[in-house]
Amino acid sequence: MIEAFVLVVVKPGNEEKVYNALKDCEPVKEIFRVYGEYDIILRVEVGSIGELDSFHDRILRKVGSVEMTETLIASSYKG
């Protein structure tokens, strides 16, 4: 299982529209509106990098008003 955090910048005034478009999408497990450089943070879980690619292509890129995303793939440090 791959866990990733997707940081989303939205065109001003469209935060609620984008939030509502993404909140019930698979593989979104959590969604937060945040203050600062980014407007929304998604926590997603997928089975493979290919599924993450598909999420970006099929869902994120089709949501209007998304200006930019940055995806951070979580790593579990074991030591």
N, C-alpha and C. Protein backbone atom coordinates (compact mmCIF):
# COMPACT_ATOMS: atom_id res chain seq x y z
N MET A 1 0.85 -1.18 0.00
CA MET A 1 0.00 0.00 0.00
C MET A 1 0.89 1.24 0.00
N ILE A 2 0.56 2.17 -0.85
CA ILE A 2 1.29 3.44 -0.93
C ILE A 2 0.38 4.53 -0.37
N GLU A 3 0.94 5.31 0.54
CA GLU A 3 0.23 6.46 1.09
C GLU A 3 0.93 7.71 0.59
N ALA A 4 0.13 8.67 0.14
CA ALA A 4 0.69 9.91 -0.39
C ALA A 4 -0.15 11.09 0.10
N PHE A 5 0.50 12.22 0.17
CA PHE A 5 -0.17 13.47 0.52
C PHE A 5 -0.09 14.37 -0.71
N VAL A 6 -1.22 14.86 -1.14
CA VAL A 6 -1.27 15.71 -2.32
C VAL A 6 -1.63 17.12 -1.87
N LEU A 7 -0.71 18.04 -2.11
CA LEU A 7 -0.90 19.44 -1.75
C LEU A 7 -1.47 20.15 -2.97
N VAL A 8 -2.56 20.87 -2.79
CA VAL A 8 -3.29 21.43 -3.92
C VAL A 8 -3.41 22.94 -3.79
N VAL A 9 -3.08 23.64 -4.86
CA VAL A 9 -3.31 25.08 -4.98
C VAL A 9 -4.51 25.27 -5.90
N VAL A 10 -5.47 26.06 -5.43
CA VAL A 10 -6.73 26.26 -6.13
C VAL A 10 -6.85 27.72 -6.56
N LYS A 11 -7.49 27.96 -7.71
CA LYS A 11 -7.77 29.34 -8.12
C LYS A 11 -8.61 30.01 -7.04
N PRO A 12 -8.24 31.22 -6.64
CA PRO A 12 -8.96 31.91 -5.56
C PRO A 12 -10.47 31.91 -5.77
N GLY A 13 -11.19 31.62 -4.68
CA GLY A 13 -12.63 31.62 -4.71
C GLY A 13 -13.26 30.30 -5.09
N ASN A 14 -12.42 29.30 -5.44
CA ASN A 14 -12.93 28.00 -5.89
C ASN A 14 -12.61 26.86 -4.92
N GLU A 15 -12.17 27.21 -3.72
CA GLU A 15 -11.76 26.20 -2.76
C GLU A 15 -12.88 25.22 -2.41
N GLU A 16 -14.08 25.72 -2.17
CA GLU A 16 -15.19 24.85 -1.80
C GLU A 16 -15.58 23.92 -2.95
N LYS A 17 -15.57 24.46 -4.16
CA LYS A 17 -15.89 23.65 -5.35
C LYS A 17 -14.92 22.49 -5.50
N VAL A 18 -13.63 22.76 -5.36
CA VAL A 18 -12.62 21.71 -5.51
C VAL A 18 -12.71 20.72 -4.35
N TYR A 19 -12.89 21.23 -3.14
CA TYR A 19 -13.05 20.37 -1.97
C TYR A 19 -14.19 19.39 -2.19
N ASN A 20 -15.35 19.89 -2.61
CA ASN A 20 -16.52 19.04 -2.83
C ASN A 20 -16.32 18.04 -3.96
N ALA A 21 -15.56 18.43 -4.98
CA ALA A 21 -15.30 17.53 -6.11
C ALA A 21 -14.39 16.37 -5.71
N LEU A 22 -13.54 16.56 -4.70
CA LEU A 22 -12.55 15.55 -4.34
C LEU A 22 -12.88 14.74 -3.09
N LYS A 23 -13.75 15.25 -2.24
CA LYS A 23 -13.93 14.64 -0.91
C LYS A 23 -14.43 13.20 -0.93
N ASP A 24 -15.20 12.81 -1.92
CA ASP A 24 -15.74 11.45 -1.96
C ASP A 24 -15.07 10.56 -3.01
N CYS A 25 -13.99 11.02 -3.59
CA CYS A 25 -13.29 10.26 -4.63
C CYS A 25 -12.41 9.18 -4.02
N GLU A 26 -12.40 8.04 -4.67
CA GLU A 26 -11.40 7.04 -4.33
C GLU A 26 -10.13 7.47 -5.03
N PRO A 27 -9.01 7.40 -4.48
CA PRO A 27 -8.60 6.81 -3.22
C PRO A 27 -8.39 7.84 -2.09
N VAL A 28 -9.13 8.94 -2.09
CA VAL A 28 -8.99 9.97 -1.06
C VAL A 28 -9.50 9.43 0.27
N LYS A 29 -8.63 9.39 1.26
CA LYS A 29 -9.01 8.91 2.59
C LYS A 29 -9.30 10.06 3.55
N GLU A 30 -8.60 11.18 3.36
CA GLU A 30 -8.84 12.37 4.18
C GLU A 30 -8.60 13.59 3.30
N ILE A 31 -9.31 14.66 3.62
CA ILE A 31 -9.14 15.91 2.90
C ILE A 31 -9.25 17.04 3.90
N PHE A 32 -8.36 18.02 3.76
CA PHE A 32 -8.32 19.14 4.69
C PHE A 32 -8.20 20.45 3.92
N ARG A 33 -8.94 21.45 4.33
CA ARG A 33 -8.71 22.82 3.86
C ARG A 33 -7.67 23.40 4.81
N VAL A 34 -6.68 24.05 4.26
CA VAL A 34 -5.59 24.57 5.08
C VAL A 34 -5.28 26.02 4.70
N TYR A 35 -4.61 26.69 5.61
CA TYR A 35 -4.13 28.05 5.37
C TYR A 35 -2.68 27.99 4.93
N GLY A 36 -2.27 28.96 4.15
CA GLY A 36 -0.87 29.03 3.74
C GLY A 36 -0.71 28.93 2.25
N GLU A 37 0.42 28.40 1.84
CA GLU A 37 0.77 28.31 0.42
C GLU A 37 -0.17 27.39 -0.36
N TYR A 38 -0.66 26.34 0.30
CA TYR A 38 -1.58 25.40 -0.32
C TYR A 38 -2.98 25.63 0.24
N ASP A 39 -3.98 25.21 -0.51
CA ASP A 39 -5.37 25.41 -0.10
C ASP A 39 -6.02 24.14 0.43
N ILE A 40 -5.63 23.00 -0.12
CA ILE A 40 -6.21 21.71 0.24
C ILE A 40 -5.08 20.68 0.32
N ILE A 41 -5.20 19.79 1.31
CA ILE A 41 -4.29 18.64 1.40
C ILE A 41 -5.13 17.37 1.37
N LEU A 42 -4.74 16.45 0.51
CA LEU A 42 -5.39 15.15 0.41
C LEU A 42 -4.46 14.07 0.96
N ARG A 43 -5.03 13.12 1.68
CA ARG A 43 -4.28 11.90 2.01
C ARG A 43 -4.90 10.81 1.17
N VAL A 44 -4.09 10.20 0.33
CA VAL A 44 -4.60 9.15 -0.55
C VAL A 44 -3.86 7.84 -0.28
N GLU A 45 -4.56 6.74 -0.50
CA GLU A 45 -3.96 5.41 -0.40
C GLU A 45 -4.22 4.67 -1.69
N VAL A 46 -3.16 4.13 -2.26
CA VAL A 46 -3.25 3.38 -3.51
C VAL A 46 -2.42 2.11 -3.39
N GLY A 47 -2.67 1.17 -4.29
CA GLY A 47 -1.93 -0.08 -4.27
C GLY A 47 -0.62 -0.05 -5.01
N SER A 48 -0.45 0.96 -5.90
CA SER A 48 0.77 1.01 -6.71
C SER A 48 0.98 2.42 -7.25
N ILE A 49 2.16 2.65 -7.76
CA ILE A 49 2.45 3.94 -8.40
C ILE A 49 1.53 4.15 -9.60
N GLY A 50 1.23 3.09 -10.31
CA GLY A 50 0.32 3.17 -11.45
C GLY A 50 -1.05 3.67 -11.03
N GLU A 51 -1.53 3.22 -9.88
CA GLU A 51 -2.82 3.71 -9.37
C GLU A 51 -2.74 5.18 -8.98
N LEU A 52 -1.60 5.60 -8.45
CA LEU A 52 -1.41 7.01 -8.13
C LEU A 52 -1.39 7.85 -9.41
N ASP A 53 -0.71 7.35 -10.43
CA ASP A 53 -0.72 8.02 -11.74
C ASP A 53 -2.14 8.15 -12.26
N SER A 54 -2.90 7.08 -12.14
CA SER A 54 -4.27 7.08 -12.62
C SER A 54 -5.12 8.09 -11.86
N PHE A 55 -4.94 8.18 -10.55
CA PHE A 55 -5.67 9.17 -9.75
C PHE A 55 -5.36 10.59 -10.24
N HIS A 56 -4.09 10.85 -10.47
CA HIS A 56 -3.70 12.17 -10.99
C HIS A 56 -4.34 12.45 -12.35
N ASP A 57 -4.27 11.47 -13.24
CA ASP A 57 -4.77 11.66 -14.61
C ASP A 57 -6.29 11.67 -14.71
N ARG A 58 -6.95 10.73 -14.04
CA ARG A 58 -8.40 10.58 -14.17
C ARG A 58 -9.20 11.56 -13.32
N ILE A 59 -8.63 11.95 -12.18
CA ILE A 59 -9.42 12.76 -11.24
C ILE A 59 -8.85 14.16 -11.08
N LEU A 60 -7.63 14.27 -10.57
CA LEU A 60 -7.09 15.60 -10.26
C LEU A 60 -7.02 16.53 -11.46
N ARG A 61 -6.54 16.03 -12.57
CA ARG A 61 -6.38 16.89 -13.74
C ARG A 61 -7.70 17.28 -14.38
N LYS A 62 -8.78 16.60 -14.00
CA LYS A 62 -10.08 16.90 -14.58
C LYS A 62 -10.91 17.82 -13.69
N VAL A 63 -10.43 18.09 -12.49
CA VAL A 63 -11.13 19.01 -11.60
C VAL A 63 -10.75 20.43 -12.02
N GLY A 64 -11.73 21.20 -12.42
CA GLY A 64 -11.45 22.58 -12.80
C GLY A 64 -10.98 23.38 -11.59
N SER A 65 -10.26 24.43 -11.85
CA SER A 65 -9.79 25.37 -10.84
C SER A 65 -8.59 24.91 -10.03
N VAL A 66 -8.03 23.74 -10.33
CA VAL A 66 -6.79 23.32 -9.68
C VAL A 66 -5.64 23.94 -10.47
N GLU A 67 -4.86 24.77 -9.80
CA GLU A 67 -3.74 25.44 -10.47
C GLU A 67 -2.45 24.63 -10.41
N MET A 68 -2.24 23.93 -9.27
CA MET A 68 -0.99 23.21 -9.10
C MET A 68 -1.16 22.15 -8.02
N THR A 69 -0.44 21.06 -8.17
CA THR A 69 -0.39 20.04 -7.11
C THR A 69 1.05 19.65 -6.86
N GLU A 70 1.29 19.18 -5.66
CA GLU A 70 2.58 18.59 -5.31
C GLU A 70 2.27 17.32 -4.53
N THR A 71 2.84 16.21 -4.96
CA THR A 71 2.55 14.93 -4.34
C THR A 71 3.76 14.46 -3.55
N LEU A 72 3.51 14.12 -2.29
CA LEU A 72 4.55 13.62 -1.40
C LEU A 72 4.22 12.18 -1.05
N ILE A 73 5.07 11.25 -1.45
CA ILE A 73 4.85 9.85 -1.14
C ILE A 73 5.45 9.57 0.22
N ALA A 74 4.62 9.03 1.13
CA ALA A 74 5.07 8.77 2.49
C ALA A 74 6.01 7.57 2.54
N SER A 75 7.00 7.68 3.41
CA SER A 75 7.95 6.60 3.60
C SER A 75 7.96 6.24 5.08
N SER A 76 8.07 4.97 5.35
CA SER A 76 8.15 4.51 6.74
C SER A 76 9.60 4.22 7.05
N TYR A 77 10.20 5.06 7.88
CA TYR A 77 11.60 4.85 8.27
C TYR A 77 11.67 3.80 9.35
N LYS A 78 12.47 2.78 9.09
CA LYS A 78 12.65 1.71 10.08
C LYS A 78 14.12 1.67 10.47
N GLY A 79 14.36 1.66 11.73
CA GLY A 79 15.76 1.66 12.14
C GLY A 79 16.03 1.03 13.43
